[in-house]
Amino acid sequence: MSELIANQTSNRLQLLSTVSALSLLLAVSTNAKAEDANRPTVWIDLGGQLSRLENKHELYLPPFLAMEPAQFDSPIPSMRPTGYGMEANGAISIQPEATDWIFSASVRYGRSNNANRFHQQSYPATIKAHAFTGYKYQAPLAAQAISATSTNSESHAVIDFQVGKDIGIGLFGRSAASSLNVGIRFAQFQSRSRAILNEDPDWHAIVRTLFNPLQVINQAYHTYEGEFEAERSFRGVGPSLSWRNAVPILGNGQGSDLSFDWGVNAAILFGRQKARTQHSTAAQYHSPGVGLLGNRNPGRVPVYHHPTDAPAYYSTRDRNVTVPNVGGFAGMSFRYDNAKVSFGYRADFFFGAIDGGIDARRTYDRNFYGPFANISIGLGD
């Protein structure tokens, strides 16, 4: 009798265990389906970034800058391009229901401009002139001076098409999200520069006394002029790879959570690198003298002129290049239901992307890094 009771009890326990296990599996399956049903299938991102730019190029430094008067500041800093710019970005990602695959497209566009004017000069005093003609004083005809006017503009666009798979398998916690993405990246960089420089480095008054009060005055000086223009560009496309992660930090269990986001990306871009530069310089010698009888003997003698259409001062270069690209980001995001706000720091480095030389090829990187903020909206839940 006791054995029968024991067998019945064991059977009941087994049946209870089986029913409990089935109930648990059904609850988990129902919960997973509910979560998958509540997950947005489409995310739309919009945002912006304040970028620190590495968009340098070779500066136009004509030879006459070496004769700049020592009391003047250098105009070179005023001709450099700006180091900051704004960037806007947009993206759309689609993850169909009941799948771990993610399809995304994104675009980033940024630009920067700056215009500078630099001018310094001396202020010579009035000069004593030929006394016999009744003119006791003569105004200065020139002054030591240097001026520079420059403009620089830059724009860039980066477009990505990627296919990824959610590989969040507990690497960073049970609720962490991790995706590995492959695709195609297109990048375009364009820049324009222009500079005009003028200099009179050696104005001076020559006073020769024959006998008092007769004086012969000659105001001699050189004038130098330089002008420069350049257009540079790169367009390339190639395979890309990225890894993105979101690690939850806080959550209230009601659809809102705070997470730490980070990712890295790499690409190889194959494209065309172009540069067109031209510059010209000219110099004149001025010698407006005053003769013994008071007559002026103006003189203006060209010293040299190097026009922009001369082969030595005009250059067009066009070649195929390969540009490596690496980047990454790190930040925080707050998600509530079907909306998300993200902020952090992002960087992208394109090595040797631009031919920034003047008379010969000289490559420069194009780098963009700085704080960003995004707003995301989820659709299709």
Foldseek 3Di string as FASTA:
>chain_A
DVVVVVVVVVVVVVVVVVVVVVVVVVVVVVVVVVVLQLFFFKKKKKKKFKKFWDDWFDDDDDPCQVLADPVDDRCVVQQTFDRIKMKIKIKMKGDDGPFQKIKMKMKMKMKGKDKGKDKDWDQDDWAQAFPVVPGGTHRDPDTWMKMKIKMKMKMKMKMWTKMKGWPPPQPQHDPKTKIKIKTKMKMKMKMKMKMKMKGWNDWDWDWDDPDPPGIKIKTKIKMKIKIKIKIKMKIWMWMKIKMKMWHWDDDDPQAKTKTKIKMKMKTKIKTKIKMKMFMKMWMWIWIFIADRVGDTDTDIGTPDIGHRPDLQGIDIDMDIDMKIKIWMWIWMWITHSFKIKIKTKIKMKIQQRHQRYGRDGDGDIIMIIGIMIMIMGGDDD
